[in-house]
């Protein structure tokens, strides 16, 4: 089972601009959060429920995506 890979795709909105920092060894780290709405029916009416996910990108991926990860 060591060869199993899980893939998760989140489609939502950024809650704030991402923060790009570097570790002491020089590895880039980008942190941001995504808000994802879920709509469900409760009795006769629909309600919106929001889930927040904290995301961390490492290395070259963090550096490459930084300009594109802006709120709004």
C-alpha atoms as a PDB file:
ATOM      1  CA  UNK A   1       0.000   0.000   0.000  1.00  0.00           C
ATOM      2  CA  UNK A   2       3.011   2.315   0.012  1.00  0.00           C
ATOM      3  CA  UNK A   3       2.333   3.239  -3.628  1.00  0.00           C
ATOM      4  CA  UNK A   4      -1.103   4.765  -2.970  1.00  0.00           C
ATOM      5  CA  UNK A   5      -1.446   8.447  -3.820  1.00  0.00           C
ATOM      6  CA  UNK A   6      -4.365  10.596  -2.712  1.00  0.00           C
ATOM      7  CA  UNK A   7      -5.369  13.569  -4.834  1.00  0.00           C
ATOM      8  CA  UNK A   8      -7.606  16.369  -3.567  1.00  0.00           C
ATOM      9  CA  UNK A   9      -8.924  19.193  -5.741  1.00  0.00           C
ATOM     10  CA  UNK A  10     -10.312  22.243  -3.913  1.00  0.00           C
ATOM     11  CA  UNK A  11     -12.165  24.914  -5.855  1.00  0.00           C
ATOM     12  CA  UNK A  12     -12.905  28.021  -3.839  1.00  0.00           C
ATOM     13  CA  UNK A  13     -11.810  31.553  -2.978  1.00  0.00           C
ATOM     14  CA  UNK A  14      -8.642  32.822  -1.340  1.00  0.00           C
ATOM     15  CA  UNK A  15      -9.355  34.380   2.033  1.00  0.00           C
ATOM     16  CA  UNK A  16      -6.160  36.482   1.971  1.00  0.00           C
ATOM     17  CA  UNK A  17      -3.064  37.010  -0.171  1.00  0.00           C
ATOM     18  CA  UNK A  18      -0.485  34.258   0.171  1.00  0.00           C
ATOM     19  CA  UNK A  19       2.631  34.722   2.321  1.00  0.00           C
ATOM     20  CA  UNK A  20       5.960  33.674   0.816  1.00  0.00           C
ATOM     21  CA  UNK A  21       8.779  32.975   3.274  1.00  0.00           C
ATOM     22  CA  UNK A  22      12.019  30.997   3.257  1.00  0.00           C
ATOM     23  CA  UNK A  23      13.329  28.459   5.723  1.00  0.00           C
ATOM     24  CA  UNK A  24      16.854  28.742   7.140  1.00  0.00           C
ATOM     25  CA  UNK A  25      18.036  26.320   4.480  1.00  0.00           C
ATOM     26  CA  UNK A  26      16.602  28.539   1.717  1.00  0.00           C
ATOM     27  CA  UNK A  27      13.520  26.487   0.799  1.00  0.00           C
ATOM     28  CA  UNK A  28      10.537  28.649  -0.176  1.00  0.00           C
ATOM     29  CA  UNK A  29       7.266  28.195   1.723  1.00  0.00           C
ATOM     30  CA  UNK A  30       3.965  29.745   0.603  1.00  0.00           C
ATOM     31  CA  UNK A  31       0.939  29.746   2.948  1.00  0.00           C
ATOM     32  CA  UNK A  32      -2.673  30.688   2.178  1.00  0.00           C
ATOM     33  CA  UNK A  33      -6.202  29.560   2.903  1.00  0.00           C
ATOM     34  CA  UNK A  34      -9.143  28.711   0.670  1.00  0.00           C
ATOM     35  CA  UNK A  35     -12.850  29.053   1.492  1.00  0.00           C
ATOM     36  CA  UNK A  36     -15.159  26.483  -0.105  1.00  0.00           C
ATOM     37  CA  UNK A  37     -18.950  26.776   0.047  1.00  0.00           C
ATOM     38  CA  UNK A  38     -21.192  23.758   0.419  1.00  0.00           C
ATOM     39  CA  UNK A  39     -24.899  24.068  -0.115  1.00  0.00           C
ATOM     40  CA  UNK A  40     -27.290  21.689   1.605  1.00  0.00           C
ATOM     41  CA  UNK A  41     -31.003  21.404   2.052  1.00  0.00           C
ATOM     42  CA  UNK A  42     -32.332  21.561   5.597  1.00  0.00           C
ATOM     43  CA  UNK A  43     -36.037  20.706   5.633  1.00  0.00           C
ATOM     44  CA  UNK A  44     -37.541  23.055   2.996  1.00  0.00           C
ATOM     45  CA  UNK A  45     -34.766  25.647   2.715  1.00  0.00           C
ATOM     46  CA  UNK A  46     -31.187  25.699   1.445  1.00  0.00           C
ATOM     47  CA  UNK A  47     -28.301  26.750   3.705  1.00  0.00           C
ATOM     48  CA  UNK A  48     -24.723  27.629   2.831  1.00  0.00           C
ATOM     49  CA  UNK A  49     -21.930  26.135   4.870  1.00  0.00           C
ATOM     50  CA  UNK A  50     -18.348  27.381   4.505  1.00  0.00           C
ATOM     51  CA  UNK A  51     -15.267  25.208   5.017  1.00  0.00           C
ATOM     52  CA  UNK A  52     -11.791  26.743   5.327  1.00  0.00           C
ATOM     53  CA  UNK A  53      -8.628  24.926   4.271  1.00  0.00           C
ATOM     54  CA  UNK A  54      -5.075  26.015   5.136  1.00  0.00           C
ATOM     55  CA  UNK A  55      -2.684  25.276   2.256  1.00  0.00           C
ATOM     56  CA  UNK A  56       1.136  25.123   2.291  1.00  0.00           C
ATOM     57  CA  UNK A  57       3.228  24.994  -0.889  1.00  0.00           C
ATOM     58  CA  UNK A  58       6.950  24.192  -0.854  1.00  0.00           C
ATOM     59  CA  UNK A  59       9.956  24.874  -3.080  1.00  0.00           C
ATOM     60  CA  UNK A  60       9.726  25.929  -6.714  1.00  0.00           C
ATOM     61  CA  UNK A  61       5.934  25.460  -6.710  1.00  0.00           C
ATOM     62  CA  UNK A  62       5.623  28.108  -3.982  1.00  0.00           C
ATOM     63  CA  UNK A  63       7.787  30.580  -5.899  1.00  0.00           C
ATOM     64  CA  UNK A  64       6.012  29.983  -9.214  1.00  0.00           C
ATOM     65  CA  UNK A  65       2.441  30.327  -7.920  1.00  0.00           C
ATOM     66  CA  UNK A  66       3.019  33.303  -5.578  1.00  0.00           C
ATOM     67  CA  UNK A  67       2.141  35.998  -8.212  1.00  0.00           C
ATOM     68  CA  UNK A  68      -1.148  34.274  -9.044  1.00  0.00           C
ATOM     69  CA  UNK A  69      -2.414  33.690  -5.498  1.00  0.00           C
ATOM     70  CA  UNK A  70      -3.990  37.038  -4.660  1.00  0.00           C
ATOM     71  CA  UNK A  71      -7.328  37.707  -3.050  1.00  0.00           C
ATOM     72  CA  UNK A  72     -10.003  39.143  -5.321  1.00  0.00           C
END
